[in-house]
């Protein structure tokens, strides 16, 4: 794990921190708990106590079957960002060989619904679908919000998030 100099965006203090760029979950299954608990790639500035992300993204990989899951800082949660990012990472000729997913997280915050992504399991109730949709974007997020609404028509938050995501897709096309 490389040590890099990180600068606090709030006060300019420079710190040297370990920065994870990728984790092979197949080889390091214990790190999954740290990922879900939000304990990777962030620290607090010793001067102003601001939370600092060490990197905007980290790659989680599985070997069998080949699967890449990109954890990306929530500030980039947009279908356009995802599309451009994937195009820049894997050449089109290889895109069919690797199943890629992108999940948007707040580094330093616990995210229990990552279990659904990491374990490739289906949510069981409307709140699980709602929370899963909050860390996705585009068609995948829309599908989660629709499933949450099918299970519970009273979820006003799901309706709002569904409309917000549809608006993002409209502005993207």
C-alpha atoms as a PDB file:
ATOM      1  CA  UNK A   1       0.000   0.000   0.000  1.00  0.00           C
ATOM      2  CA  UNK A   2       1.728   3.194  -1.150  1.00  0.00           C
ATOM      3  CA  UNK A   3       2.179   6.161   1.162  1.00  0.00           C
ATOM      4  CA  UNK A   4       1.206   9.433  -0.468  1.00  0.00           C
ATOM      5  CA  UNK A   5       1.102  13.045   0.568  1.00  0.00           C
ATOM      6  CA  UNK A   6      -2.481  14.189   1.061  1.00  0.00           C
ATOM      7  CA  UNK A   7      -3.451  17.836   1.431  1.00  0.00           C
ATOM      8  CA  UNK A   8      -6.423  18.991   3.491  1.00  0.00           C
ATOM      9  CA  UNK A   9      -8.709  20.870   1.125  1.00  0.00           C
ATOM     10  CA  UNK A  10      -9.935  23.001   4.043  1.00  0.00           C
ATOM     11  CA  UNK A  11      -6.713  24.301   5.659  1.00  0.00           C
ATOM     12  CA  UNK A  12      -3.881  23.073   3.405  1.00  0.00           C
ATOM     13  CA  UNK A  13      -2.182  20.870   6.019  1.00  0.00           C
ATOM     14  CA  UNK A  14      -0.134  18.129   4.352  1.00  0.00           C
ATOM     15  CA  UNK A  15      -0.112  14.579   5.729  1.00  0.00           C
ATOM     16  CA  UNK A  16       1.490  11.329   4.637  1.00  0.00           C
ATOM     17  CA  UNK A  17      -1.057   8.509   4.545  1.00  0.00           C
ATOM     18  CA  UNK A  18      -1.441   4.997   3.170  1.00  0.00           C
ATOM     19  CA  UNK A  19      -3.617   5.042   0.074  1.00  0.00           C
ATOM     20  CA  UNK A  20      -5.396   1.921  -1.132  1.00  0.00           C
ATOM     21  CA  UNK A  21      -5.784   1.825  -4.888  1.00  0.00           C
ATOM     22  CA  UNK A  22      -7.205  -1.680  -5.165  1.00  0.00           C
ATOM     23  CA  UNK A  23      -8.225  -4.659  -3.060  1.00  0.00           C
ATOM     24  CA  UNK A  24      -8.546  -8.181  -4.378  1.00  0.00           C
ATOM     25  CA  UNK A  25     -11.503  -9.419  -2.337  1.00  0.00           C
ATOM     26  CA  UNK A  26     -10.804 -12.994  -3.481  1.00  0.00           C
ATOM     27  CA  UNK A  27      -7.412 -12.843  -1.739  1.00  0.00           C
ATOM     28  CA  UNK A  28      -8.345 -10.518   1.155  1.00  0.00           C
ATOM     29  CA  UNK A  29     -11.905 -11.383   2.226  1.00  0.00           C
ATOM     30  CA  UNK A  30     -11.336  -9.883   5.704  1.00  0.00           C
ATOM     31  CA  UNK A  31     -10.984  -6.408   4.210  1.00  0.00           C
ATOM     32  CA  UNK A  32     -14.622  -6.568   3.123  1.00  0.00           C
ATOM     33  CA  UNK A  33     -15.682  -5.675   6.677  1.00  0.00           C
ATOM     34  CA  UNK A  34     -13.405  -2.598   6.678  1.00  0.00           C
ATOM     35  CA  UNK A  35     -14.855  -1.536   3.332  1.00  0.00           C
ATOM     36  CA  UNK A  36     -18.453  -1.816   4.565  1.00  0.00           C
ATOM     37  CA  UNK A  37     -17.584   0.009   7.789  1.00  0.00           C
ATOM     38  CA  UNK A  38     -16.067   2.865   5.760  1.00  0.00           C
ATOM     39  CA  UNK A  39     -12.594   2.438   7.242  1.00  0.00           C
ATOM     40  CA  UNK A  40     -10.580   2.812   4.033  1.00  0.00           C
ATOM     41  CA  UNK A  41      -8.985   5.755   2.231  1.00  0.00           C
ATOM     42  CA  UNK A  42      -9.895   8.591   4.536  1.00  0.00           C
ATOM     43  CA  UNK A  43      -8.492  10.398   7.551  1.00  0.00           C
ATOM     44  CA  UNK A  44      -9.135  13.483   9.615  1.00  0.00           C
ATOM     45  CA  UNK A  45      -6.930  16.542   9.339  1.00  0.00           C
ATOM     46  CA  UNK A  46      -4.933  16.894  12.579  1.00  0.00           C
ATOM     47  CA  UNK A  47      -5.292  20.696  12.405  1.00  0.00           C
ATOM     48  CA  UNK A  48      -8.911  21.450  11.467  1.00  0.00           C
ATOM     49  CA  UNK A  49     -10.492  17.962  11.918  1.00  0.00           C
ATOM     50  CA  UNK A  50     -11.938  17.957   8.379  1.00  0.00           C
ATOM     51  CA  UNK A  51     -12.563  14.502   6.904  1.00  0.00           C
ATOM     52  CA  UNK A  52     -10.261  13.975   3.916  1.00  0.00           C
ATOM     53  CA  UNK A  53     -10.708  11.363   1.185  1.00  0.00           C
ATOM     54  CA  UNK A  54      -7.342   9.973   0.096  1.00  0.00           C
ATOM     55  CA  UNK A  55      -8.497   9.070  -3.403  1.00  0.00           C
ATOM     56  CA  UNK A  56     -11.670   9.546  -5.454  1.00  0.00           C
ATOM     57  CA  UNK A  57     -11.958   5.841  -6.287  1.00  0.00           C
ATOM     58  CA  UNK A  58     -10.728   2.378  -5.327  1.00  0.00           C
ATOM     59  CA  UNK A  59     -10.979  -0.877  -7.257  1.00  0.00           C
ATOM     60  CA  UNK A  60     -12.385  -3.994  -5.595  1.00  0.00           C
ATOM     61  CA  UNK A  61     -11.801  -7.102  -7.654  1.00  0.00           C
ATOM     62  CA  UNK A  62     -12.838 -10.728  -7.701  1.00  0.00           C
ATOM     63  CA  UNK A  63     -11.074 -13.410  -9.705  1.00  0.00           C
ATOM     64  CA  UNK A  64     -13.778 -16.011 -10.245  1.00  0.00           C
ATOM     65  CA  UNK A  65     -15.727 -14.817 -12.111  1.00  0.00           C
ATOM     66  CA  UNK A  66     -13.735 -11.724 -13.148  1.00  0.00           C
ATOM     67  CA  UNK A  67     -15.514  -8.767 -11.613  1.00  0.00           C
ATOM     68  CA  UNK A  68     -14.463  -5.192 -10.872  1.00  0.00           C
ATOM     69  CA  UNK A  69     -16.358  -3.016  -8.435  1.00  0.00           C
ATOM     70  CA  UNK A  70     -15.294   0.613  -8.358  1.00  0.00           C
ATOM     71  CA  UNK A  71     -15.985   2.467  -5.106  1.00  0.00           C
ATOM     72  CA  UNK A  72     -16.194   6.109  -6.116  1.00  0.00           C
ATOM     73  CA  UNK A  73     -16.587   9.258  -4.045  1.00  0.00           C
ATOM     74  CA  UNK A  74     -20.272  10.227  -3.877  1.00  0.00           C
ATOM     75  CA  UNK A  75     -19.582  13.684  -5.339  1.00  0.00           C
ATOM     76  CA  UNK A  76     -19.173  11.976  -8.751  1.00  0.00           C
ATOM     77  CA  UNK A  77     -22.570  10.215  -8.641  1.00  0.00           C
ATOM     78  CA  UNK A  78     -23.754  10.809 -12.186  1.00  0.00           C
ATOM     79  CA  UNK A  79     -24.412   8.504 -15.170  1.00  0.00           C
ATOM     80  CA  UNK A  80     -22.115  10.599 -17.391  1.00  0.00           C
ATOM     81  CA  UNK A  81     -19.172  10.249 -14.986  1.00  0.00           C
ATOM     82  CA  UNK A  82     -19.667   6.473 -14.835  1.00  0.00           C
ATOM     83  CA  UNK A  83     -19.819   6.099 -18.613  1.00  0.00           C
ATOM     84  CA  UNK A  84     -16.715   8.239 -19.217  1.00  0.00           C
ATOM     85  CA  UNK A  85     -14.791   6.532 -16.409  1.00  0.00           C
ATOM     86  CA  UNK A  86     -15.456   3.024 -17.739  1.00  0.00           C
ATOM     87  CA  UNK A  87     -14.516   4.080 -21.253  1.00  0.00           C
ATOM     88  CA  UNK A  88     -11.181   5.447 -19.985  1.00  0.00           C
ATOM     89  CA  UNK A  89     -10.303   2.376 -17.870  1.00  0.00           C
ATOM     90  CA  UNK A  90     -11.026  -0.646 -20.062  1.00  0.00           C
ATOM     91  CA  UNK A  91     -10.591  -0.620 -23.835  1.00  0.00           C
ATOM     92  CA  UNK A  92     -13.804  -1.484 -25.678  1.00  0.00           C
ATOM     93  CA  UNK A  93     -12.286  -4.735 -26.965  1.00  0.00           C
ATOM     94  CA  UNK A  94     -11.953  -5.980 -23.348  1.00  0.00           C
ATOM     95  CA  UNK A  95     -15.205  -4.598 -21.949  1.00  0.00           C
ATOM     96  CA  UNK A  96     -17.065  -7.891 -22.409  1.00  0.00           C
ATOM     97  CA  UNK A  97     -14.438  -9.842 -20.464  1.00  0.00           C
ATOM     98  CA  UNK A  98     -14.843  -8.073 -17.143  1.00  0.00           C
ATOM     99  CA  UNK A  99     -18.094  -7.349 -15.341  1.00  0.00           C
ATOM    100  CA  UNK A 100     -17.668  -3.784 -14.061  1.00  0.00           C
ATOM    101  CA  UNK A 101     -19.849  -2.028 -11.537  1.00  0.00           C
ATOM    102  CA  UNK A 102     -19.637   1.377  -9.918  1.00  0.00           C
ATOM    103  CA  UNK A 103     -20.860   2.200  -6.430  1.00  0.00           C
ATOM    104  CA  UNK A 104     -20.873   5.703  -4.964  1.00  0.00           C
ATOM    105  CA  UNK A 105     -19.873   5.984  -1.312  1.00  0.00           C
ATOM    106  CA  UNK A 106     -18.903   8.559   1.242  1.00  0.00           C
ATOM    107  CA  UNK A 107     -15.414   7.419   2.252  1.00  0.00           C
ATOM    108  CA  UNK A 108     -15.296   7.242   6.035  1.00  0.00           C
ATOM    109  CA  UNK A 109     -19.005   6.411   6.393  1.00  0.00           C
ATOM    110  CA  UNK A 110     -20.466   2.961   7.022  1.00  0.00           C
ATOM    111  CA  UNK A 111     -22.445   1.576   4.079  1.00  0.00           C
ATOM    112  CA  UNK A 112     -24.225  -1.665   4.992  1.00  0.00           C
ATOM    113  CA  UNK A 113     -25.952  -1.962   1.622  1.00  0.00           C
ATOM    114  CA  UNK A 114     -22.542  -2.633   0.052  1.00  0.00           C
ATOM    115  CA  UNK A 115     -23.153  -6.210   1.237  1.00  0.00           C
ATOM    116  CA  UNK A 116     -25.687  -6.578  -1.581  1.00  0.00           C
ATOM    117  CA  UNK A 117     -23.065  -5.588  -4.151  1.00  0.00           C
ATOM    118  CA  UNK A 118     -20.100  -7.440  -2.663  1.00  0.00           C
ATOM    119  CA  UNK A 119     -22.019 -10.660  -1.990  1.00  0.00           C
ATOM    120  CA  UNK A 120     -24.115 -10.369  -5.164  1.00  0.00           C
ATOM    121  CA  UNK A 121     -27.360 -10.787  -3.183  1.00  0.00           C
ATOM    122  CA  UNK A 122     -30.835  -9.314  -3.669  1.00  0.00           C
ATOM    123  CA  UNK A 123     -32.304  -6.861  -1.142  1.00  0.00           C
ATOM    124  CA  UNK A 124     -35.238  -8.282   0.813  1.00  0.00           C
ATOM    125  CA  UNK A 125     -37.362  -5.221   1.609  1.00  0.00           C
ATOM    126  CA  UNK A 126     -38.230  -1.733   0.389  1.00  0.00           C
ATOM    127  CA  UNK A 127     -35.673   0.047   2.589  1.00  0.00           C
ATOM    128  CA  UNK A 128     -32.889  -2.220   1.343  1.00  0.00           C
ATOM    129  CA  UNK A 129     -33.844  -1.448  -2.278  1.00  0.00           C
ATOM    130  CA  UNK A 130     -34.020   2.269  -1.466  1.00  0.00           C
ATOM    131  CA  UNK A 131     -30.582   2.272   0.186  1.00  0.00           C
ATOM    132  CA  UNK A 132     -29.046   0.253  -2.635  1.00  0.00           C
ATOM    133  CA  UNK A 133     -30.412   2.733  -5.169  1.00  0.00           C
ATOM    134  CA  UNK A 134     -28.757   5.579  -3.249  1.00  0.00           C
ATOM    135  CA  UNK A 135     -25.281   4.214  -3.994  1.00  0.00           C
ATOM    136  CA  UNK A 136     -25.910   3.546  -7.694  1.00  0.00           C
ATOM    137  CA  UNK A 137     -26.670   5.798 -10.644  1.00  0.00           C
ATOM    138  CA  UNK A 138     -28.537   5.648 -13.929  1.00  0.00           C
ATOM    139  CA  UNK A 139     -30.725   2.702 -14.890  1.00  0.00           C
ATOM    140  CA  UNK A 140     -29.522   0.556 -11.971  1.00  0.00           C
ATOM    141  CA  UNK A 141     -30.550   3.202  -9.427  1.00  0.00           C
ATOM    142  CA  UNK A 142     -33.904   3.713 -11.148  1.00  0.00           C
ATOM    143  CA  UNK A 143     -34.623  -0.026 -11.056  1.00  0.00           C
ATOM    144  CA  UNK A 144     -33.862  -0.134  -7.301  1.00  0.00           C
ATOM    145  CA  UNK A 145     -36.172   2.814  -6.581  1.00  0.00           C
ATOM    146  CA  UNK A 146     -38.949   1.198  -8.635  1.00  0.00           C
ATOM    147  CA  UNK A 147     -38.575  -2.067  -6.698  1.00  0.00           C
ATOM    148  CA  UNK A 148     -38.690  -0.146  -3.407  1.00  0.00           C
ATOM    149  CA  UNK A 149     -41.915   1.548  -4.526  1.00  0.00           C
ATOM    150  CA  UNK A 150     -43.464  -1.755  -5.634  1.00  0.00           C
ATOM    151  CA  UNK A 151     -42.921  -3.090  -2.116  1.00  0.00           C
ATOM    152  CA  UNK A 152     -44.012   0.098  -0.330  1.00  0.00           C
ATOM    153  CA  UNK A 153     -45.995   2.766  -2.202  1.00  0.00           C
ATOM    154  CA  UNK A 154     -45.621   5.217   0.704  1.00  0.00           C
ATOM    155  CA  UNK A 155     -41.860   5.728   0.301  1.00  0.00           C
ATOM    156  CA  UNK A 156     -41.840   9.413  -0.633  1.00  0.00           C
ATOM    157  CA  UNK A 157     -38.037   9.435  -0.601  1.00  0.00           C
ATOM    158  CA  UNK A 158     -37.947   6.677  -3.247  1.00  0.00           C
ATOM    159  CA  UNK A 159     -40.300   8.703  -5.483  1.00  0.00           C
ATOM    160  CA  UNK A 160     -38.137  11.807  -5.165  1.00  0.00           C
ATOM    161  CA  UNK A 161     -34.877   9.928  -5.796  1.00  0.00           C
ATOM    162  CA  UNK A 162     -36.414   8.121  -8.769  1.00  0.00           C
ATOM    163  CA  UNK A 163     -37.423  11.451 -10.333  1.00  0.00           C
ATOM    164  CA  UNK A 164     -33.996  12.972  -9.585  1.00  0.00           C
ATOM    165  CA  UNK A 165     -32.261  10.042 -11.283  1.00  0.00           C
ATOM    166  CA  UNK A 166     -34.588  10.244 -14.302  1.00  0.00           C
ATOM    167  CA  UNK A 167     -33.718  13.953 -14.582  1.00  0.00           C
ATOM    168  CA  UNK A 168     -29.989  13.104 -14.528  1.00  0.00           C
ATOM    169  CA  UNK A 169     -30.496  10.620 -17.348  1.00  0.00           C
ATOM    170  CA  UNK A 170     -32.488  13.144 -19.405  1.00  0.00           C
ATOM    171  CA  UNK A 171     -29.759  15.773 -19.042  1.00  0.00           C
ATOM    172  CA  UNK A 172     -27.156  13.140 -19.956  1.00  0.00           C
ATOM    173  CA  UNK A 173     -28.738  12.254 -23.308  1.00  0.00           C
END
